[in-house]
PDB file of N, CA and C in Angstrom:
ATOM      1  N   MET A   1       4.221  18.313   3.978  1.00  0.00           N
ATOM      2  CA  MET A   1       3.690  17.714   4.849  1.00  0.00           C
ATOM      3  C   MET A   1       4.222  15.786   5.139  1.00  0.00           C
ATOM      4  N   LYS A   2       3.433  15.772   3.336  1.00  0.00           N
ATOM      5  CA  LYS A   2       3.609  14.394   2.791  1.00  0.00           C
ATOM      6  C   LYS A   2       5.462  14.154   2.272  1.00  0.00           C
ATOM      7  N   ARG A   3       5.924  15.086   2.590  1.00  0.00           N
ATOM      8  CA  ARG A   3       7.416  14.878   2.482  1.00  0.00           C
ATOM      9  C   ARG A   3       8.076  15.063   3.760  1.00  0.00           C
ATOM     10  N   HIS A   4       7.437  15.185   4.862  1.00  0.00           N
ATOM     11  CA  HIS A   4       8.182  14.850   5.998  1.00  0.00           C
ATOM     12  C   HIS A   4       7.576  13.206   6.354  1.00  0.00           C
ATOM     13  N   SER A   5       6.278  13.241   6.217  1.00  0.00           N
ATOM     14  CA  SER A   5       5.676  12.135   6.207  1.00  0.00           C
ATOM     15  C   SER A   5       6.637  10.523   5.577  1.00  0.00           C
ATOM     16  N   LEU A   6       7.030  10.968   4.142  1.00  0.00           N
ATOM     17  CA  LEU A   6       8.256   9.851   3.872  1.00  0.00           C
ATOM     18  C   LEU A   6       9.417  10.002   4.159  1.00  0.00           C
ATOM     19  N   PHE A   7       9.791  11.365   4.853  1.00  0.00           N
ATOM     20  CA  PHE A   7      11.472  11.186   4.451  1.00  0.00           C
ATOM     21  C   PHE A   7      11.137  10.005   6.251  1.00  0.00           C
ATOM     22  N   ALA A   8      10.211  10.383   7.674  1.00  0.00           N
ATOM     23  CA  ALA A   8      10.257   9.493   8.709  1.00  0.00           C
ATOM     24  C   ALA A   8       9.905   8.223   8.250  1.00  0.00           C
ATOM     25  N   PHE A   9       9.550   7.758   6.909  1.00  0.00           N
ATOM     26  CA  PHE A   9       8.694   6.624   6.926  1.00  0.00           C
ATOM     27  C   PHE A   9      10.119   5.576   6.615  1.00  0.00           C
ATOM     28  N   LEU A  10      11.024   6.234   5.350  1.00  0.00           N
ATOM     29  CA  LEU A  10      11.459   6.147   4.702  1.00  0.00           C
ATOM     30  C   LEU A  10      13.770   5.474   6.194  1.00  0.00           C
ATOM     31  N   PHE A  11      13.161   6.693   7.078  1.00  0.00           N
ATOM     32  CA  PHE A  11      14.290   6.683   8.367  1.00  0.00           C
ATOM     33  C   PHE A  11      13.575   5.177   8.787  1.00  0.00           C
ATOM     34  N   LEU A  12      12.577   5.496   9.125  1.00  0.00           N
ATOM     35  CA  LEU A  12      12.797   3.951  10.050  1.00  0.00           C
ATOM     36  C   LEU A  12      13.025   2.591   8.892  1.00  0.00           C
ATOM     37  N   LEU A  13      12.625   2.537   8.185  1.00  0.00           N
ATOM     38  CA  LEU A  13      12.426   1.499   7.701  1.00  0.00           C
ATOM     39  C   LEU A  13      14.527   0.609   7.346  1.00  0.00           C
ATOM     40  N   SER A  14      15.272   2.536   7.092  1.00  0.00           N
ATOM     41  CA  SER A  14      16.199   1.771   7.070  1.00  0.00           C
ATOM     42  C   SER A  14      17.214   1.838   8.056  1.00  0.00           C
ATOM     43  N   ALA A  15      16.360   2.499   9.404  1.00  0.00           N
ATOM     44  CA  ALA A  15      17.282   2.402  10.899  1.00  0.00           C
ATOM     45  C   ALA A  15      17.274   1.379  10.598  1.00  0.00           C
ATOM     46  N   ASN A  16      16.375   0.259  10.240  1.00  0.00           N
ATOM     47  CA  ASN A  16      16.619  -1.390  10.946  1.00  0.00           C
ATOM     48  C   ASN A  16      17.490  -2.092  10.302  1.00  0.00           C
ATOM     49  N   LEU A  17      17.843  -1.614   9.015  1.00  0.00           N
ATOM     50  CA  LEU A  17      19.228  -2.253   8.808  1.00  0.00           C
ATOM     51  C   LEU A  17      19.972  -1.764   9.225  1.00  0.00           C
ATOM     52  N   PHE A  18      20.476  -0.579   9.913  1.00  0.00           N
ATOM     53  CA  PHE A  18      22.428  -0.601  10.321  1.00  0.00           C
ATOM     54  C   PHE A  18      21.856  -1.050  11.204  1.00  0.00           C
ATOM     55  N   PHE A  19      20.861  -0.908  12.389  1.00  0.00           N
ATOM     56  CA  PHE A  19      20.901  -1.494  13.810  1.00  0.00           C
ATOM     57  C   PHE A  19      20.966  -2.590  13.761  1.00  0.00           C
ATOM     58  N   ALA A  20      20.988  -3.386  12.476  1.00  0.00           N
ATOM     59  CA  ALA A  20      20.723  -5.415  12.779  1.00  0.00           C
ATOM     60  C   ALA A  20      21.825  -5.730  12.839  1.00  0.00           C
ATOM     61  N   GLN A  21      21.400  -6.757  13.920  1.00  0.00           N
ATOM     62  CA  GLN A  21      22.339  -8.143  14.224  1.00  0.00           C
ATOM     63  C   GLN A  21      23.531  -8.237  13.548  1.00  0.00           C
ATOM     64  N   LYS A  22      24.643  -9.441  13.068  1.00  0.00           N
ATOM     65  CA  LYS A  22      24.788 -10.290  12.459  1.00  0.00           C
ATOM     66  C   LYS A  22      24.315 -11.152  13.384  1.00  0.00           C
ATOM     67  N   PRO A  23      23.941 -12.841  12.199  1.00  0.00           N
ATOM     68  CA  PRO A  23      23.719 -14.208  13.074  1.00  0.00           C
ATOM     69  C   PRO A  23      24.260 -14.792  13.792  1.00  0.00           C
ATOM     70  N   ILE A  24      24.252 -15.424  14.639  1.00  0.00           N
ATOM     71  CA  ILE A  24      24.777 -16.138  15.548  1.00  0.00           C
ATOM     72  C   ILE A  24      24.986 -17.865  15.326  1.00  0.00           C
ATOM     73  N   TYR A  25      25.650 -17.866  14.574  1.00  0.00           N
ATOM     74  CA  TYR A  25      26.124 -19.468  13.869  1.00  0.00           C
ATOM     75  C   TYR A  25      27.119 -20.530  15.475  1.00  0.00           C
ATOM     76  N   THR A  26      26.396 -21.730  15.437  1.00  0.00           N
ATOM     77  CA  THR A  26      26.184 -22.292  16.589  1.00  0.00           C
ATOM     78  C   THR A  26      26.360 -23.898  15.421  1.00  0.00           C
ATOM     79  N   LYS A  27      27.270 -24.535  16.717  1.00  0.00           N
ATOM     80  CA  LYS A  27      26.933 -26.494  16.110  1.00  0.00           C
ATOM     81  C   LYS A  27      26.019 -27.126  16.886  1.00  0.00           C
ATOM     82  N   ALA A  28      25.622 -27.838  17.131  1.00  0.00           N
ATOM     83  CA  ALA A  28      24.995 -28.544  17.866  1.00  0.00           C
ATOM     84  C   ALA A  28      25.276 -29.956  18.002  1.00  0.00           C
ATOM     85  N   LYS A  29      26.091 -30.277  19.452  1.00  0.00           N
ATOM     86  CA  LYS A  29      26.491 -31.385  19.638  1.00  0.00           C
ATOM     87  C   LYS A  29      25.357 -32.811  19.600  1.00  0.00           C
ATOM     88  N   VAL A  30      25.479 -33.864  19.353  1.00  0.00           N
ATOM     89  CA  VAL A  30      24.502 -35.504  19.845  1.00  0.00           C
ATOM     90  C   VAL A  30      25.274 -35.634  20.745  1.00  0.00           C
ATOM     91  N   THR A  31      23.674 -35.975  21.532  1.00  0.00           N
ATOM     92  CA  THR A  31      24.189 -36.565  22.994  1.00  0.00           C
ATOM     93  C   THR A  31      23.523 -37.596  23.022  1.00  0.00           C
ATOM     94  N   ALA A  32      22.123 -37.736  22.782  1.00  0.00           N
ATOM     95  CA  ALA A  32      21.546 -39.666  22.893  1.00  0.00           C
ATOM     96  C   ALA A  32      20.705 -40.042  20.787  1.00  0.00           C
ATOM     97  N   VAL A  33      20.591 -40.866  21.137  1.00  0.00           N
ATOM     98  CA  VAL A  33      20.092 -41.637  19.737  1.00  0.00           C
ATOM     99  C   VAL A  33      19.404 -42.488  20.377  1.00  0.00           C
ATOM    100  N   LYS A  34      18.232 -42.499  19.682  1.00  0.00           N
ATOM    101  CA  LYS A  34      17.189 -43.832  19.644  1.00  0.00           C
ATOM    102  C   LYS A  34      16.638 -44.107  18.509  1.00  0.00           C
ATOM    103  N   VAL A  35      16.556 -45.487  18.456  1.00  0.00           N
ATOM    104  CA  VAL A  35      16.575 -46.005  17.381  1.00  0.00           C
ATOM    105  C   VAL A  35      15.014 -46.890  16.586  1.00  0.00           C
ATOM    106  N   TYR A  36      14.241 -46.328  16.818  1.00  0.00           N
ATOM    107  CA  TYR A  36      12.908 -46.626  16.392  1.00  0.00           C
ATOM    108  C   TYR A  36      13.268 -47.539  14.821  1.00  0.00           C
ATOM    109  N   ARG A  37      11.998 -48.370  14.921  1.00  0.00           N
ATOM    110  CA  ARG A  37      11.917 -49.636  13.443  1.00  0.00           C
ATOM    111  C   ARG A  37      11.507 -48.824  12.467  1.00  0.00           C
ATOM    112  N   ASN A  38      10.599 -47.733  12.049  1.00  0.00           N
ATOM    113  CA  ASN A  38      10.964 -46.420  11.341  1.00  0.00           C
ATOM    114  C   ASN A  38      11.549 -45.404  11.440  1.00  0.00           C
ATOM    115  N   SER A  39      11.695 -44.905  12.641  1.00  0.00           N
ATOM    116  CA  SER A  39      12.643 -44.209  12.049  1.00  0.00           C
ATOM    117  C   SER A  39      13.733 -44.019  13.362  1.00  0.00           C
ATOM    118  N   ALA A  40      14.210 -42.073  13.796  1.00  0.00           N
ATOM    119  CA  ALA A  40      14.851 -42.422  14.737  1.00  0.00           C
ATOM    120  C   ALA A  40      14.567 -40.620  15.425  1.00  0.00           C
ATOM    121  N   GLU A  41      15.704 -40.803  16.540  1.00  0.00           N
ATOM    122  CA  GLU A  41      15.722 -39.283  17.592  1.00  0.00           C
ATOM    123  C   GLU A  41      16.529 -38.782  17.202  1.00  0.00           C
ATOM    124  N   LEU A  42      16.711 -37.548  17.788  1.00  0.00           N
ATOM    125  CA  LEU A  42      18.103 -37.262  17.543  1.00  0.00           C
ATOM    126  C   LEU A  42      18.263 -36.197  19.118  1.00  0.00           C
ATOM    127  N   GLN A  43      18.713 -36.132  19.824  1.00  0.00           N
ATOM    128  CA  GLN A  43      18.692 -35.157  21.074  1.00  0.00           C
ATOM    129  C   GLN A  43      19.910 -34.713  21.386  1.00  0.00           C
ATOM    130  N   ASN A  44      20.149 -33.123  20.867  1.00  0.00           N
ATOM    131  CA  ASN A  44      21.264 -32.330  20.809  1.00  0.00           C
ATOM    132  C   ASN A  44      21.212 -31.892  22.162  1.00  0.00           C
ATOM    133  N   THR A  45      22.357 -30.759  22.302  1.00  0.00           N
ATOM    134  CA  THR A  45      22.718 -29.474  23.358  1.00  0.00           C
ATOM    135  C   THR A  45      23.532 -29.115  22.693  1.00  0.00           C
ATOM    136  N   VAL A  46      23.204 -27.292  22.641  1.00  0.00           N
ATOM    137  CA  VAL A  46      23.673 -26.214  22.238  1.00  0.00           C
ATOM    138  C   VAL A  46      23.605 -25.291  23.432  1.00  0.00           C
ATOM    139  N   SER A  47      24.912 -24.236  23.660  1.00  0.00           N
ATOM    140  CA  SER A  47      24.994 -22.992  24.489  1.00  0.00           C
ATOM    141  C   SER A  47      25.944 -22.161  24.405  1.00  0.00           C
ATOM    142  N   PHE A  48      25.364 -21.124  24.054  1.00  0.00           N
ATOM    143  CA  PHE A  48      25.906 -19.757  23.326  1.00  0.00           C
ATOM    144  C   PHE A  48      25.233 -18.425  24.174  1.00  0.00           C
ATOM    145  N   SER A  49      26.224 -17.602  23.765  1.00  0.00           N
ATOM    146  CA  SER A  49      25.643 -16.123  24.874  1.00  0.00           C
ATOM    147  C   SER A  49      24.584 -15.602  24.038  1.00  0.00           C
ATOM    148  N   ILE A  50      24.345 -14.001  24.215  1.00  0.00           N
ATOM    149  CA  ILE A  50      23.101 -13.447  23.127  1.00  0.00           C
ATOM    150  C   ILE A  50      23.216 -12.411  24.184  1.00  0.00           C
ATOM    151  N   PRO A  51      23.511 -11.392  22.850  1.00  0.00           N
ATOM    152  CA  PRO A  51      23.454  -9.789  23.665  1.00  0.00           C
ATOM    153  C   PRO A  51      21.672  -9.695  23.354  1.00  0.00           C
ATOM    154  N   SER A  52      21.874  -8.566  24.416  1.00  0.00           N
ATOM    155  CA  SER A  52      20.721  -8.165  24.279  1.00  0.00           C
ATOM    156  C   SER A  52      20.085  -7.557  23.417  1.00  0.00           C
ATOM    157  N   GLY A  53      18.595  -8.047  23.145  1.00  0.00           N
ATOM    158  CA  GLY A  53      17.382  -7.730  21.827  1.00  0.00           C
ATOM    159  C   GLY A  53      17.307  -8.438  21.156  1.00  0.00           C
ATOM    160  N   ILE A  54      16.878  -8.535  19.441  1.00  0.00           N
ATOM    161  CA  ILE A  54      16.429  -8.774  18.667  1.00  0.00           C
ATOM    162  C   ILE A  54      18.065 -10.106  18.282  1.00  0.00           C
ATOM    163  N   SER A  55      17.886 -11.381  18.513  1.00  0.00           N
ATOM    164  CA  SER A  55      19.582 -11.887  17.320  1.00  0.00           C
ATOM    165  C   SER A  55      18.062 -13.300  16.688  1.00  0.00           C
ATOM    166  N   GLU A  56      19.523 -13.322  15.540  1.00  0.00           N
ATOM    167  CA  GLU A  56      19.272 -14.588  15.200  1.00  0.00           C
ATOM    168  C   GLU A  56      19.601 -15.439  15.844  1.00  0.00           C
ATOM    169  N   ILE A  57      19.947 -16.114  16.060  1.00  0.00           N
ATOM    170  CA  ILE A  57      20.389 -17.764  16.191  1.00  0.00           C
ATOM    171  C   ILE A  57      20.678 -19.289  14.603  1.00  0.00           C
ATOM    172  N   VAL A  58      21.512 -19.383  13.891  1.00  0.00           N
ATOM    173  CA  VAL A  58      21.230 -20.754  13.214  1.00  0.00           C
ATOM    174  C   VAL A  58      22.107 -21.980  13.626  1.00  0.00           C
ATOM    175  N   ILE A  59      21.378 -22.819  13.754  1.00  0.00           N
ATOM    176  CA  ILE A  59      21.514 -24.135  14.443  1.00  0.00           C
ATOM    177  C   ILE A  59      22.543 -24.866  13.187  1.00  0.00           C
ATOM    178  N   GLY A  60      23.648 -25.236  13.146  1.00  0.00           N
ATOM    179  CA  GLY A  60      23.527 -25.990  12.096  1.00  0.00           C
ATOM    180  C   GLY A  60      24.323 -26.996  12.446  1.00  0.00           C
TER     181      GLY A  60
END
């Protein structure tokens, strides 16, 4: 029984690696800037399409 449980656990653990999607890399465009005395505020826009499921999005 322990052997079957170990096999099932390892299968579920490795299945996540096989079905993982690659990260989606995209760049944001600056649309507005507000400058203050001690800081600044940047407003960015970005658009992308993602497949259904869990996705990792990297905005640079």
